[in-house]
Amino acid sequence: MTGHDGWQPEAPELVRPYVITKGRGLPDEDDLSLITLVTACAGQPQRPARLSPEEQSLLDLCSAGYLSVAEIAGHTHFPLGVVRILLASLMEGGHLMTRPPVARARLADKEILEEVLNGLRAKFG
């Protein structure tokens, strides 16, 4: 239906986040932080049929290996909150598993490095 000036309302291409998440709330930040690593469970050769298209795309993305929550949000172009809610739902269903991020390596002790350097200098000149 067009108005007298030729204006047509645009069809909304965006599905509201409330519809995608089915009204679920955000999980705890400790459960799914930005750097939490997520992957699909290996013991499921067949995809469940009752997943939404958004959940299915997340599961397909996570089946390639570990990705952080931030990377998943970037690949899917979904809002971060929506991604966290959908990932929590897939985790509850047993389709995904998480792993805490790899801890930072300890900084090397300066005294030990100096001893190694002195030993190398003494041996090789």
Protein backbone atom coordinates (compact mmCIF):
# COMPACT_ATOMS: atom_id res chain seq x y z
CA MET A 1 0.00 0.00 0.00
CA THR A 2 1.49 3.29 -1.03
CA GLY A 3 0.63 6.76 0.16
CA HIS A 4 -0.15 9.67 -2.11
CA ASP A 5 3.54 10.65 -2.21
CA GLY A 6 4.83 7.17 -3.17
CA TRP A 7 6.14 6.26 0.31
CA GLN A 8 6.05 2.58 1.18
CA PRO A 9 6.69 1.24 4.67
CA GLU A 10 9.78 -0.96 4.80
CA ALA A 11 9.39 -4.59 5.72
CA PRO A 12 11.27 -5.26 8.93
CA GLU A 13 14.21 -7.55 8.15
CA LEU A 14 15.30 -7.77 11.76
CA VAL A 15 13.70 -10.24 14.11
CA ARG A 16 13.45 -8.78 17.59
CA PRO A 17 15.93 -10.22 20.10
CA TYR A 18 13.04 -11.09 22.44
CA VAL A 19 11.65 -13.43 19.78
CA ILE A 20 15.03 -15.03 19.03
CA THR A 21 15.76 -15.67 22.73
CA LYS A 22 12.17 -16.72 23.49
CA GLY A 23 12.12 -14.26 26.38
CA ARG A 24 14.96 -15.89 28.31
CA GLY A 25 17.23 -13.74 30.45
CA LEU A 26 20.98 -13.31 30.34
CA PRO A 27 23.16 -15.98 31.99
CA ASP A 28 25.68 -15.08 34.67
CA GLU A 29 28.76 -13.24 33.45
CA ASP A 30 30.88 -15.93 35.13
CA ASP A 31 29.28 -18.66 33.01
CA LEU A 32 29.70 -17.01 29.61
CA SER A 33 32.13 -14.12 29.62
CA LEU A 34 33.48 -12.61 26.42
CA ILE A 35 36.54 -14.86 26.48
CA THR A 36 34.87 -18.14 27.45
CA LEU A 37 35.70 -20.79 24.85
CA VAL A 38 32.79 -22.74 23.36
CA THR A 39 32.63 -25.83 21.12
CA ALA A 40 30.06 -28.41 20.05
CA CYS A 41 29.92 -31.67 21.97
CA ALA A 42 31.62 -34.46 20.05
CA GLY A 43 29.14 -37.19 20.93
CA GLN A 44 26.29 -35.90 18.76
CA PRO A 45 26.54 -36.98 15.12
CA GLN A 46 23.01 -35.81 14.26
CA ARG A 47 21.68 -32.31 14.76
CA PRO A 48 18.54 -32.00 16.86
CA ALA A 49 15.51 -30.98 14.81
CA ARG A 50 13.92 -28.71 17.42
CA LEU A 51 16.50 -25.94 17.34
CA SER A 52 15.72 -22.50 16.02
CA PRO A 53 17.58 -21.35 12.90
CA GLU A 54 19.73 -19.07 15.08
CA GLU A 55 20.62 -21.91 17.45
CA GLN A 56 21.37 -24.14 14.47
CA SER A 57 23.75 -21.56 13.00
CA LEU A 58 25.54 -21.20 16.35
CA LEU A 59 25.87 -24.97 16.63
CA ASP A 60 27.26 -25.20 13.09
CA LEU A 61 29.76 -22.44 13.84
CA CYS A 62 30.87 -24.06 17.11
CA SER A 63 31.31 -27.50 15.54
CA ALA A 64 34.55 -26.35 13.85
CA GLY A 65 36.40 -26.02 17.16
CA TYR A 66 36.78 -23.71 20.12
CA LEU A 67 35.68 -20.10 19.63
CA SER A 68 35.28 -17.36 22.21
CA VAL A 69 31.85 -15.89 22.87
CA ALA A 70 33.04 -12.60 21.37
CA GLU A 71 34.21 -14.35 18.18
CA ILE A 72 30.87 -16.12 17.83
CA ALA A 73 29.01 -12.82 18.18
CA GLY A 74 31.28 -11.28 15.57
CA HIS A 75 30.79 -14.11 13.07
CA THR A 76 27.01 -14.22 13.44
CA HIS A 77 26.40 -10.44 13.67
CA PHE A 78 23.93 -11.12 16.50
CA PRO A 79 23.96 -8.84 19.54
CA LEU A 80 26.24 -10.16 22.28
CA GLY A 81 23.38 -10.62 24.74
CA VAL A 82 21.43 -12.71 22.26
CA VAL A 83 24.48 -14.89 21.57
CA ARG A 84 25.06 -15.45 25.29
CA ILE A 85 21.42 -16.44 25.84
CA LEU A 86 21.40 -18.84 22.88
CA LEU A 87 24.72 -20.39 23.90
CA ALA A 88 23.41 -20.90 27.45
CA SER A 89 20.35 -22.62 26.03
CA LEU A 90 22.47 -24.91 23.86
CA MET A 91 24.68 -25.71 26.85
CA GLU A 92 21.64 -26.65 28.95
CA GLY A 93 20.50 -28.93 26.13
CA GLY A 94 23.86 -30.69 26.11
CA HIS A 95 24.81 -29.53 22.61
CA LEU A 96 27.73 -27.30 23.60
CA MET A 97 30.50 -27.40 26.14
CA THR A 98 32.64 -24.58 27.45
CA ARG A 99 36.17 -24.27 28.65
CA PRO A 100 37.63 -21.44 30.65
CA PRO A 101 40.10 -19.35 28.69
CA VAL A 102 43.74 -20.33 28.77
CA ALA A 103 45.43 -18.71 31.74
CA ARG A 104 48.14 -16.16 31.10
CA ALA A 105 51.66 -17.45 31.29
CA ARG A 106 53.74 -16.35 34.23
CA LEU A 107 56.33 -13.74 33.50
CA ALA A 108 59.85 -15.06 33.52
CA ASP A 109 62.02 -14.17 36.49
CA LYS A 110 64.57 -11.54 35.49
CA GLU A 111 67.31 -13.10 37.64
CA ILE A 112 66.94 -16.49 35.93
CA LEU A 113 67.10 -14.88 32.48
CA GLU A 114 70.27 -13.01 33.47
CA GLU A 115 71.86 -16.25 34.73
CA VAL A 116 71.02 -18.00 31.46
CA LEU A 117 72.44 -15.09 29.47
CA ASN A 118 75.63 -15.07 31.54
CA GLY A 119 76.00 -18.83 31.12
CA LEU A 120 75.58 -18.54 27.33
CA ARG A 121 78.13 -15.74 27.19
CA ALA A 122 80.60 -17.80 29.25
CA LYS A 123 80.18 -20.85 27.03
CA PHE A 124 80.06 -19.21 23.61
CA GLY A 125 82.00 -15.99 24.25
